[in-house]
Each structure stands twice: as C-alpha cells, then as structure tokens.
Amino acid sequence: MVGGSTIWKPSQTVVLTFDGQMLPQRVFLCYNALSIEVYTYPTIQCYNWCRYGHTKAQCRSRPRCFKRTNAHISESCTVREDEVSCLHCLGRHTTTRKLCPELDRQKRIKISMAEESISYSETSKKHPAIGKSYVNATASSLSNPSAQKSKLPNSSSSNRKTSS
C-alpha cells in the first residue's frame, strides 16, 4: 500500500488451494511441472489501533498512538523518543518497530498455521504471548501513586466468608 492506495506488482507466484492435508510435490500447467511450496500469509499490523491481523483500512476501532498507546493519532503525539512504550511487550520502542518480539511471535504463528493447517486460535496457544516482566508491568502503577492506592482493598471491608 502506497499513499493509501493498493499497488499491484507483477510476480511469478500463483496461490493454489488444495483439499486435504497433503500437498502434491508439483502441479502440471501448460505442459510445465511447477513445484509446490507452502504459502504463509503475511503478518499485517494496523497502524490505526496498533494490533495485528488487520490493516488501518479495515479497522473499526478508535485511533491509538503507537508511541504510548494513548487514544490519539500518532502524528499529533508529543511524546519524546526516550518515553515511548510498546503496547505488546512494554519495551522502550514504538509498537510498530520491526524488532518487537510480538512481531516475531505473529510471524511464527503464521508459519505454524500454514505448515500444520490449523486455526489462528489453536496456533497461538502453541506460541504463548510475550510475557511482560514484573518490573515493566509495575513501573506504570508505581509512577502513579493515586492509581496504586485505588487498587488496595478498603480496610473496613473483608472478603472472608463468615457464618451467621
């Protein structure tokens, strides 16, 4: 996609689908034997909502900044480069960075889907989500003491079940 419009490029690739679980080694087309390779769907990311699996053109969600995942368009973001935080792994990079571990996970999911012929939900269980470290997960709540206090239970209430 360039400038919001789709550009078609000529290629030497044809996508064929076959019934069943086994792929033939080759197909014959116009007196030529063509070898078969497994097709892996591309890993796509939405630049509107910062998630994988769809593009900005198909997105129905509200815009989210890829620098700090706040609810605004990234172009209007004033966050400095040293303050960015990834939505997926909480790393110190933008959510759209090509070296994010979540992008690698999404690519591995697509490869497994193609090779094993199973659904996204089944495959994603084999490739667990990127773990957010305890330090990264608590950093935001520790930097905001009022948010931390609101998570504490009220001292006058009890969750303990009592008999009457």
N, C-alpha and C. Protein backbone atom coordinates (compact mmCIF):
# COMPACT_ATOMS: atom_id res chain seq x y z
N MET A 1 0.84 -1.16 0.00
CA MET A 1 0.00 0.00 0.00
C MET A 1 0.90 1.23 0.00
N VAL A 2 0.68 2.14 -0.91
CA VAL A 2 1.46 3.36 -1.01
C VAL A 2 0.51 4.54 -1.05
N GLY A 3 0.67 5.46 -0.10
CA GLY A 3 -0.17 6.65 -0.08
C GLY A 3 -1.65 6.34 0.06
N GLY A 4 -2.00 5.28 0.74
CA GLY A 4 -3.39 4.93 0.96
C GLY A 4 -4.05 4.15 -0.17
N SER A 5 -3.31 3.86 -1.24
CA SER A 5 -3.90 3.09 -2.33
C SER A 5 -3.09 1.81 -2.58
N THR A 6 -3.78 0.78 -3.02
CA THR A 6 -3.15 -0.51 -3.27
C THR A 6 -2.40 -0.48 -4.59
N ILE A 7 -1.17 -0.97 -4.57
CA ILE A 7 -0.34 -1.05 -5.77
C ILE A 7 -0.14 -2.54 -6.09
N TRP A 8 -0.48 -2.95 -7.30
CA TRP A 8 -0.30 -4.33 -7.73
C TRP A 8 1.04 -4.47 -8.43
N LYS A 9 1.83 -5.45 -8.00
CA LYS A 9 3.14 -5.69 -8.61
C LYS A 9 3.12 -7.04 -9.31
N PRO A 10 3.66 -7.14 -10.51
CA PRO A 10 3.74 -8.44 -11.18
C PRO A 10 4.69 -9.37 -10.41
N SER A 11 4.33 -10.64 -10.36
CA SER A 11 5.20 -11.61 -9.67
C SER A 11 5.14 -12.94 -10.41
N GLN A 12 5.96 -13.86 -9.98
CA GLN A 12 6.00 -15.20 -10.56
C GLN A 12 5.27 -16.19 -9.64
N THR A 13 4.37 -15.70 -8.82
CA THR A 13 3.70 -16.52 -7.82
C THR A 13 2.22 -16.67 -8.12
N VAL A 14 1.73 -17.89 -7.95
CA VAL A 14 0.31 -18.19 -8.06
C VAL A 14 -0.07 -18.94 -6.79
N VAL A 15 -1.17 -18.53 -6.16
CA VAL A 15 -1.63 -19.21 -4.96
C VAL A 15 -2.73 -20.19 -5.34
N LEU A 16 -2.49 -21.46 -5.03
CA LEU A 16 -3.46 -22.53 -5.27
C LEU A 16 -3.87 -23.12 -3.93
N THR A 17 -5.12 -23.52 -3.81
CA THR A 17 -5.55 -24.21 -2.60
C THR A 17 -5.92 -25.64 -2.97
N PHE A 18 -5.65 -26.55 -2.05
CA PHE A 18 -5.91 -27.97 -2.26
C PHE A 18 -6.78 -28.50 -1.14
N ASP A 19 -7.65 -29.44 -1.48
CA ASP A 19 -8.43 -30.14 -0.46
C ASP A 19 -7.52 -31.16 0.22
N GLY A 20 -7.74 -31.36 1.51
CA GLY A 20 -6.98 -32.38 2.22
C GLY A 20 -5.78 -31.82 2.96
N GLN A 21 -5.04 -32.72 3.57
CA GLN A 21 -3.90 -32.36 4.41
C GLN A 21 -2.55 -32.50 3.71
N MET A 22 -2.51 -33.18 2.58
CA MET A 22 -1.25 -33.43 1.89
C MET A 22 -1.14 -32.56 0.64
N LEU A 23 0.00 -31.93 0.47
CA LEU A 23 0.25 -31.15 -0.74
C LEU A 23 0.97 -32.01 -1.76
N PRO A 24 0.64 -31.87 -3.03
CA PRO A 24 1.41 -32.59 -4.06
C PRO A 24 2.80 -31.97 -4.17
N GLN A 25 3.74 -32.72 -4.70
CA GLN A 25 5.09 -32.18 -4.88
C GLN A 25 5.13 -31.17 -6.01
N ARG A 26 4.26 -31.37 -7.01
CA ARG A 26 4.22 -30.43 -8.15
C ARG A 26 2.85 -30.51 -8.82
N VAL A 27 2.58 -29.48 -9.61
CA VAL A 27 1.36 -29.46 -10.43
C VAL A 27 1.79 -29.26 -11.87
N PHE A 28 0.94 -29.67 -12.78
CA PHE A 28 1.24 -29.53 -14.20
C PHE A 28 0.32 -28.47 -14.79
N LEU A 29 0.93 -27.50 -15.45
CA LEU A 29 0.18 -26.39 -16.02
C LEU A 29 0.81 -26.02 -17.35
N CYS A 30 0.04 -26.10 -18.41
CA CYS A 30 0.53 -25.75 -19.76
C CYS A 30 1.82 -26.49 -20.10
N TYR A 31 1.84 -27.79 -19.88
CA TYR A 31 2.98 -28.66 -20.19
C TYR A 31 4.22 -28.36 -19.35
N ASN A 32 4.03 -27.70 -18.22
CA ASN A 32 5.14 -27.42 -17.31
C ASN A 32 4.85 -28.04 -15.94
N ALA A 33 5.89 -28.61 -15.34
CA ALA A 33 5.78 -29.13 -13.98
C ALA A 33 6.25 -28.03 -13.03
N LEU A 34 5.36 -27.57 -12.18
CA LEU A 34 5.67 -26.49 -11.25
C LEU A 34 5.75 -27.03 -9.83
N SER A 35 6.81 -26.67 -9.11
CA SER A 35 6.96 -27.15 -7.74
C SER A 35 6.00 -26.41 -6.81
N ILE A 36 5.64 -27.08 -5.73
CA ILE A 36 4.69 -26.56 -4.76
C ILE A 36 5.43 -26.16 -3.49
N GLU A 37 5.12 -24.99 -2.97
CA GLU A 37 5.64 -24.53 -1.69
C GLU A 37 4.46 -24.11 -0.82
N VAL A 38 4.62 -24.25 0.48
CA VAL A 38 3.57 -23.83 1.40
C VAL A 38 3.51 -22.30 1.39
N TYR A 39 2.30 -21.76 1.28
CA TYR A 39 2.12 -20.31 1.30
C TYR A 39 1.87 -19.86 2.74
N THR A 40 2.65 -18.92 3.19
CA THR A 40 2.46 -18.34 4.51
C THR A 40 1.87 -16.95 4.35
N TYR A 41 0.73 -16.73 4.97
CA TYR A 41 0.10 -15.41 4.89
C TYR A 41 1.02 -14.37 5.52
N PRO A 42 1.02 -13.16 4.96
CA PRO A 42 1.87 -12.12 5.52
C PRO A 42 1.35 -11.67 6.89
N THR A 43 2.26 -11.22 7.72
CA THR A 43 1.89 -10.68 9.02
C THR A 43 1.60 -9.20 8.83
N ILE A 44 0.36 -8.81 9.11
CA ILE A 44 -0.04 -7.42 8.90
C ILE A 44 -0.37 -6.77 10.24
N GLN A 45 -0.12 -5.47 10.30
CA GLN A 45 -0.39 -4.72 11.53
C GLN A 45 -1.18 -3.47 11.19
N CYS A 46 -2.15 -3.18 12.03
CA CYS A 46 -2.98 -1.98 11.87
C CYS A 46 -2.22 -0.77 12.41
N TYR A 47 -2.07 0.26 11.59
CA TYR A 47 -1.41 1.48 12.03
C TYR A 47 -2.40 2.48 12.61
N ASN A 48 -3.64 2.03 12.82
CA ASN A 48 -4.65 2.86 13.49
C ASN A 48 -4.79 2.43 14.94
N TRP A 49 -4.89 1.11 15.18
CA TRP A 49 -5.15 0.56 16.51
C TRP A 49 -3.95 -0.17 17.10
N CYS A 50 -2.90 -0.37 16.29
CA CYS A 50 -1.63 -0.97 16.72
C CYS A 50 -1.70 -2.47 17.02
N ARG A 51 -2.70 -3.16 16.52
CA ARG A 51 -2.79 -4.61 16.72
C ARG A 51 -2.51 -5.33 15.40
N TYR A 52 -2.29 -6.64 15.50
CA TYR A 52 -2.01 -7.45 14.32
C TYR A 52 -3.28 -8.10 13.79
N GLY A 53 -3.26 -8.47 12.51
CA GLY A 53 -4.35 -9.23 11.92
C GLY A 53 -5.26 -8.45 10.99
N HIS A 54 -5.13 -7.14 10.96
CA HIS A 54 -5.91 -6.33 10.03
C HIS A 54 -5.11 -5.06 9.73
N THR A 55 -5.58 -4.29 8.77
CA THR A 55 -4.90 -3.05 8.40
C THR A 55 -5.76 -1.85 8.79
N LYS A 56 -5.18 -0.69 8.68
CA LYS A 56 -5.87 0.55 9.01
C LYS A 56 -7.14 0.72 8.18
N ALA A 57 -7.11 0.27 6.92
CA ALA A 57 -8.27 0.41 6.03
C ALA A 57 -9.47 -0.39 6.53
N GLN A 58 -9.23 -1.53 7.21
CA GLN A 58 -10.33 -2.35 7.72
C GLN A 58 -10.64 -2.11 9.19
N CYS A 59 -9.90 -1.23 9.85
CA CYS A 59 -10.02 -1.04 11.29
C CYS A 59 -11.31 -0.30 11.65
N ARG A 60 -12.01 -0.82 12.67
CA ARG A 60 -13.22 -0.18 13.16
C ARG A 60 -13.02 0.40 14.56
N SER A 61 -11.79 0.34 15.06
CA SER A 61 -11.51 0.84 16.40
C SER A 61 -11.07 2.30 16.35
N ARG A 62 -11.06 2.92 17.51
CA ARG A 62 -10.60 4.30 17.61
C ARG A 62 -9.08 4.33 17.48
N PRO A 63 -8.55 5.44 16.97
CA PRO A 63 -7.09 5.53 16.81
C PRO A 63 -6.36 5.40 18.15
N ARG A 64 -5.19 4.79 18.08
CA ARG A 64 -4.35 4.64 19.26
C ARG A 64 -2.92 4.97 18.86
N CYS A 65 -2.25 5.75 19.66
CA CYS A 65 -0.88 6.18 19.36
C CYS A 65 0.08 4.99 19.47
N PHE A 66 0.98 4.85 18.49
CA PHE A 66 1.93 3.74 18.55
C PHE A 66 3.17 4.07 19.38
N LYS A 67 3.21 5.27 19.96
CA LYS A 67 4.33 5.62 20.84
C LYS A 67 4.05 5.28 22.30
N ARG A 68 2.83 5.56 22.77
CA ARG A 68 2.45 5.27 24.15
C ARG A 68 1.07 4.64 24.25
N THR A 69 0.47 4.30 23.13
CA THR A 69 -0.86 3.69 23.02
C THR A 69 -1.97 4.52 23.65
N ASN A 70 -1.78 5.84 23.70
CA ASN A 70 -2.84 6.72 24.16
C ASN A 70 -3.89 6.86 23.07
N ALA A 71 -5.05 7.37 23.42
CA ALA A 71 -6.16 7.48 22.47
C ALA A 71 -6.05 8.75 21.63
N HIS A 72 -5.04 8.82 20.79
CA HIS A 72 -4.91 9.91 19.83
C HIS A 72 -4.10 9.43 18.64
N ILE A 73 -4.17 10.17 17.55
CA ILE A 73 -3.43 9.82 16.33
C ILE A 73 -1.95 10.03 16.57
N SER A 74 -1.13 9.10 16.11
CA SER A 74 0.32 9.14 16.35
C SER A 74 0.98 10.39 15.78
N GLU A 75 0.46 10.89 14.66
CA GLU A 75 1.08 12.06 14.03
C GLU A 75 1.03 13.28 14.94
N SER A 76 0.05 13.35 15.83
CA SER A 76 -0.09 14.51 16.72
C SER A 76 0.56 14.27 18.08
N CYS A 77 1.28 13.18 18.24
CA CYS A 77 1.86 12.81 19.53
C CYS A 77 3.09 13.66 19.84
N THR A 78 3.19 14.10 21.09
CA THR A 78 4.33 14.91 21.52
C THR A 78 5.26 14.15 22.45
N VAL A 79 5.07 12.85 22.59
CA VAL A 79 5.92 12.03 23.46
C VAL A 79 7.32 11.96 22.88
N ARG A 80 8.32 12.16 23.74
CA ARG A 80 9.72 12.09 23.30
C ARG A 80 10.11 10.64 23.03
N GLU A 81 11.12 10.45 22.21
CA GLU A 81 11.58 9.11 21.84
C GLU A 81 12.04 8.29 23.04
N ASP A 82 12.56 8.93 24.08
CA ASP A 82 13.02 8.19 25.25
C ASP A 82 11.88 7.82 26.20
N GLU A 83 10.63 8.24 25.87
CA GLU A 83 9.47 7.93 26.70
C GLU A 83 8.51 6.94 26.05
N VAL A 84 8.86 6.41 24.88
CA VAL A 84 7.94 5.51 24.18
C VAL A 84 7.84 4.16 24.90
N SER A 85 6.72 3.48 24.71
CA SER A 85 6.50 2.18 25.34
C SER A 85 5.63 1.33 24.42
N CYS A 86 6.06 0.12 24.15
CA CYS A 86 5.36 -0.78 23.24
C CYS A 86 4.11 -1.36 23.90
N LEU A 87 3.01 -1.38 23.18
CA LEU A 87 1.76 -1.95 23.65
C LEU A 87 1.89 -3.45 23.93
N HIS A 88 2.66 -4.15 23.12
CA HIS A 88 2.74 -5.61 23.18
C HIS A 88 3.70 -6.13 24.23
N CYS A 89 4.89 -5.55 24.33
CA CYS A 89 5.91 -6.09 25.23
C CYS A 89 6.39 -5.10 26.29
N LEU A 90 5.86 -3.88 26.26
CA LEU A 90 6.25 -2.80 27.16
C LEU A 90 7.71 -2.40 27.00
N GLY A 91 8.32 -2.78 25.90
CA GLY A 91 9.70 -2.40 25.63
C GLY A 91 9.82 -0.92 25.31
N ARG A 92 11.01 -0.41 25.34
CA ARG A 92 11.28 1.01 25.08
C ARG A 92 11.39 1.27 23.58
N HIS A 93 10.34 0.95 22.84
CA HIS A 93 10.29 1.19 21.41
C HIS A 93 8.84 1.38 21.00
N THR A 94 8.61 1.88 19.80
CA THR A 94 7.24 2.06 19.33
C THR A 94 6.60 0.70 19.06
N THR A 95 5.29 0.68 19.08
CA THR A 95 4.54 -0.56 18.86
C THR A 95 4.73 -1.09 17.45
N THR A 96 5.13 -0.25 16.52
CA THR A 96 5.30 -0.66 15.12
C THR A 96 6.73 -1.05 14.78
N ARG A 97 7.61 -1.11 15.75
CA ARG A 97 9.02 -1.44 15.48
C ARG A 97 9.16 -2.87 14.98
N LYS A 98 9.97 -3.06 13.96
CA LYS A 98 10.13 -4.37 13.33
C LYS A 98 10.90 -5.37 14.20
N LEU A 99 11.58 -4.91 15.24
CA LEU A 99 12.33 -5.81 16.11
C LEU A 99 11.56 -6.19 17.38
N CYS A 100 10.28 -5.84 17.45
CA CYS A 100 9.46 -6.19 18.62
C CYS A 100 9.29 -7.71 18.68
N PRO A 101 9.42 -8.31 19.85
CA PRO A 101 9.25 -9.76 19.97
C PRO A 101 7.84 -10.23 19.57
N GLU A 102 6.84 -9.36 19.69
CA GLU A 102 5.48 -9.76 19.31
C GLU A 102 5.37 -9.94 17.80
N LEU A 103 6.08 -9.14 17.02
CA LEU A 103 6.07 -9.32 15.56
C LEU A 103 6.65 -10.69 15.21
N ASP A 104 7.74 -11.06 15.86
CA ASP A 104 8.34 -12.37 15.63
C ASP A 104 7.35 -13.48 16.01
N ARG A 105 6.65 -13.32 17.11
CA ARG A 105 5.63 -14.30 17.52
C ARG A 105 4.53 -14.41 16.48
N GLN A 106 4.05 -13.29 15.98
CA GLN A 106 2.99 -13.30 14.97
C GLN A 106 3.45 -14.00 13.69
N LYS A 107 4.71 -13.79 13.31
CA LYS A 107 5.25 -14.47 12.13
C LYS A 107 5.33 -15.98 12.35
N ARG A 108 5.77 -16.39 13.55
CA ARG A 108 5.82 -17.82 13.86
C ARG A 108 4.43 -18.45 13.85
N ILE A 109 3.44 -17.71 14.29
CA ILE A 109 2.05 -18.19 14.26
C ILE A 109 1.62 -18.42 12.82
N LYS A 110 1.91 -17.48 11.93
CA LYS A 110 1.52 -17.62 10.52
C LYS A 110 2.20 -18.83 9.88
N ILE A 111 3.47 -19.05 10.20
CA ILE A 111 4.20 -20.20 9.66
C ILE A 111 3.58 -21.50 10.17
N SER A 112 3.28 -21.57 11.46
CA SER A 112 2.66 -22.77 12.03
C SER A 112 1.28 -23.02 11.42
N MET A 113 0.51 -21.97 11.21
CA MET A 113 -0.81 -22.12 10.59
C MET A 113 -0.68 -22.75 9.21
N ALA A 114 0.29 -22.29 8.44
CA ALA A 114 0.47 -22.80 7.08
C ALA A 114 0.99 -24.24 7.08
N GLU A 115 2.00 -24.52 7.90
CA GLU A 115 2.62 -25.83 7.89
C GLU A 115 1.75 -26.91 8.52
N GLU A 116 0.99 -26.56 9.56
CA GLU A 116 0.19 -27.55 10.28
C GLU A 116 -1.28 -27.51 9.90
N SER A 117 -1.67 -26.54 9.09
CA SER A 117 -3.05 -26.39 8.63
C SER A 117 -4.04 -26.33 9.80
N ILE A 118 -3.74 -25.44 10.76
CA ILE A 118 -4.62 -25.26 11.91
C ILE A 118 -4.98 -23.78 12.06
N SER A 119 -5.99 -23.50 12.86
CA SER A 119 -6.52 -22.14 13.00
C SER A 119 -5.58 -21.25 13.81
N TYR A 120 -5.87 -19.96 13.74
CA TYR A 120 -5.08 -18.97 14.49
C TYR A 120 -5.18 -19.24 15.99
N SER A 121 -6.39 -19.48 16.49
CA SER A 121 -6.55 -19.68 17.94
C SER A 121 -5.80 -20.92 18.42
N GLU A 122 -5.80 -21.99 17.64
CA GLU A 122 -5.05 -23.20 18.03
C GLU A 122 -3.55 -22.92 18.00
N THR A 123 -3.10 -22.25 16.97
CA THR A 123 -1.67 -21.98 16.82
C THR A 123 -1.16 -21.02 17.87
N SER A 124 -1.96 -20.00 18.22
CA SER A 124 -1.49 -19.01 19.19
C SER A 124 -1.29 -19.64 20.57
N LYS A 125 -1.98 -20.74 20.86
CA LYS A 125 -1.76 -21.44 22.13
C LYS A 125 -0.38 -22.08 22.17
N LYS A 126 0.13 -22.47 21.00
CA LYS A 126 1.47 -23.08 20.92
C LYS A 126 2.57 -22.03 21.01
N HIS A 127 2.22 -20.78 20.74
CA HIS A 127 3.17 -19.68 20.80
C HIS A 127 2.65 -18.67 21.82
N PRO A 128 2.96 -18.85 23.09
CA PRO A 128 2.38 -18.00 24.13
C PRO A 128 2.71 -16.52 23.92
N ALA A 129 1.83 -15.69 24.42
CA ALA A 129 2.01 -14.24 24.30
C ALA A 129 3.30 -13.82 24.98
N ILE A 130 3.84 -12.73 24.50
CA ILE A 130 5.08 -12.19 25.05
C ILE A 130 4.83 -11.81 26.50
N GLY A 131 5.64 -12.35 27.40
CA GLY A 131 5.49 -12.03 28.82
C GLY A 131 5.99 -10.63 29.11
N LYS A 132 5.20 -9.91 29.87
CA LYS A 132 5.62 -8.59 30.31
C LYS A 132 6.26 -8.78 31.67
N SER A 133 7.49 -8.31 31.82
CA SER A 133 8.20 -8.53 33.07
C SER A 133 7.50 -7.81 34.21
N TYR A 134 7.70 -8.29 35.42
CA TYR A 134 7.10 -7.70 36.60
C TYR A 134 7.55 -6.25 36.75
N VAL A 135 8.81 -6.00 36.48
CA VAL A 135 9.35 -4.65 36.59
C VAL A 135 8.63 -3.71 35.64
N ASN A 136 8.46 -4.13 34.37
CA ASN A 136 7.78 -3.28 33.40
C ASN A 136 6.30 -3.11 33.73
N ALA A 137 5.65 -4.17 34.17
CA ALA A 137 4.22 -4.11 34.45
C ALA A 137 3.91 -3.22 35.64
N THR A 138 4.79 -3.21 36.65
CA THR A 138 4.54 -2.40 37.83
C THR A 138 5.07 -0.98 37.71
N ALA A 139 5.92 -0.72 36.74
CA ALA A 139 6.52 0.60 36.61
C ALA A 139 5.47 1.69 36.45
N SER A 140 4.44 1.45 35.65
CA SER A 140 3.44 2.48 35.42
C SER A 140 2.60 2.72 36.67
N SER A 141 2.27 1.68 37.43
CA SER A 141 1.47 1.88 38.63
C SER A 141 2.29 2.50 39.76
N LEU A 142 3.59 2.21 39.82
CA LEU A 142 4.43 2.81 40.85
C LEU A 142 4.70 4.28 40.58
N SER A 143 4.71 4.67 39.32
CA SER A 143 4.95 6.06 38.99
C SER A 143 3.71 6.91 39.24
N ASN A 144 2.55 6.28 39.43
CA ASN A 144 1.31 6.99 39.69
C ASN A 144 0.74 6.49 41.02
N PRO A 145 1.11 7.12 42.16
CA PRO A 145 0.69 6.63 43.47
C PRO A 145 -0.82 6.60 43.65
N SER A 146 -1.56 7.53 43.05
CA SER A 146 -3.02 7.53 43.22
C SER A 146 -3.64 6.30 42.58
N ALA A 147 -3.09 5.83 41.47
CA ALA A 147 -3.60 4.62 40.82
C ALA A 147 -3.30 3.40 41.67
N GLN A 148 -2.14 3.44 42.36
CA GLN A 148 -1.76 2.31 43.19
C GLN A 148 -2.69 2.21 44.40
N LYS A 149 -3.05 3.33 45.02
CA LYS A 149 -3.92 3.31 46.19
C LYS A 149 -5.30 2.79 45.85
N SER A 150 -5.80 3.11 44.66
CA SER A 150 -7.14 2.68 44.29
C SER A 150 -7.25 1.17 44.14
N LYS A 151 -6.14 0.48 43.97
CA LYS A 151 -6.16 -0.97 43.81
C LYS A 151 -6.16 -1.70 45.16
N LEU A 152 -5.87 -0.98 46.25
CA LEU A 152 -5.82 -1.61 47.55
C LEU A 152 -7.24 -1.80 48.08
N PRO A 153 -7.51 -2.92 48.77
CA PRO A 153 -8.85 -3.13 49.31
C PRO A 153 -9.12 -2.16 50.46
N ASN A 154 -10.37 -1.85 50.68
CA ASN A 154 -10.79 -0.99 51.76
C ASN A 154 -10.55 -1.73 53.07
N SER A 155 -9.91 -1.07 54.05
CA SER A 155 -9.56 -1.75 55.29
C SER A 155 -10.78 -2.10 56.14
N SER A 156 -11.92 -1.42 55.90
CA SER A 156 -13.11 -1.72 56.69
C SER A 156 -13.91 -2.89 56.13
N SER A 157 -13.57 -3.35 54.93
CA SER A 157 -14.31 -4.47 54.35
C SER A 157 -13.46 -5.73 54.40
N SER A 158 -14.13 -6.85 54.32
CA SER A 158 -13.43 -8.13 54.35
C SER A 158 -13.99 -9.03 53.27
N ASN A 159 -13.12 -9.80 52.65
CA ASN A 159 -13.56 -10.76 51.64
C ASN A 159 -13.78 -12.14 52.25
N ARG A 160 -13.58 -12.26 53.53
CA ARG A 160 -13.68 -13.54 54.21
C ARG A 160 -15.14 -13.89 54.45
N LYS A 161 -15.47 -15.13 54.15
CA LYS A 161 -16.84 -15.59 54.34
C LYS A 161 -17.02 -15.98 55.80
N THR A 162 -18.07 -15.44 56.41
CA THR A 162 -18.34 -15.76 57.81
C THR A 162 -19.68 -16.46 57.92
N SER A 163 -19.81 -17.28 58.92
CA SER A 163 -21.09 -17.96 59.13
C SER A 163 -21.93 -17.15 60.10
N SER A 164 -23.25 -17.18 59.94
CA SER A 164 -24.12 -16.40 60.82
C SER A 164 -24.87 -17.25 61.79
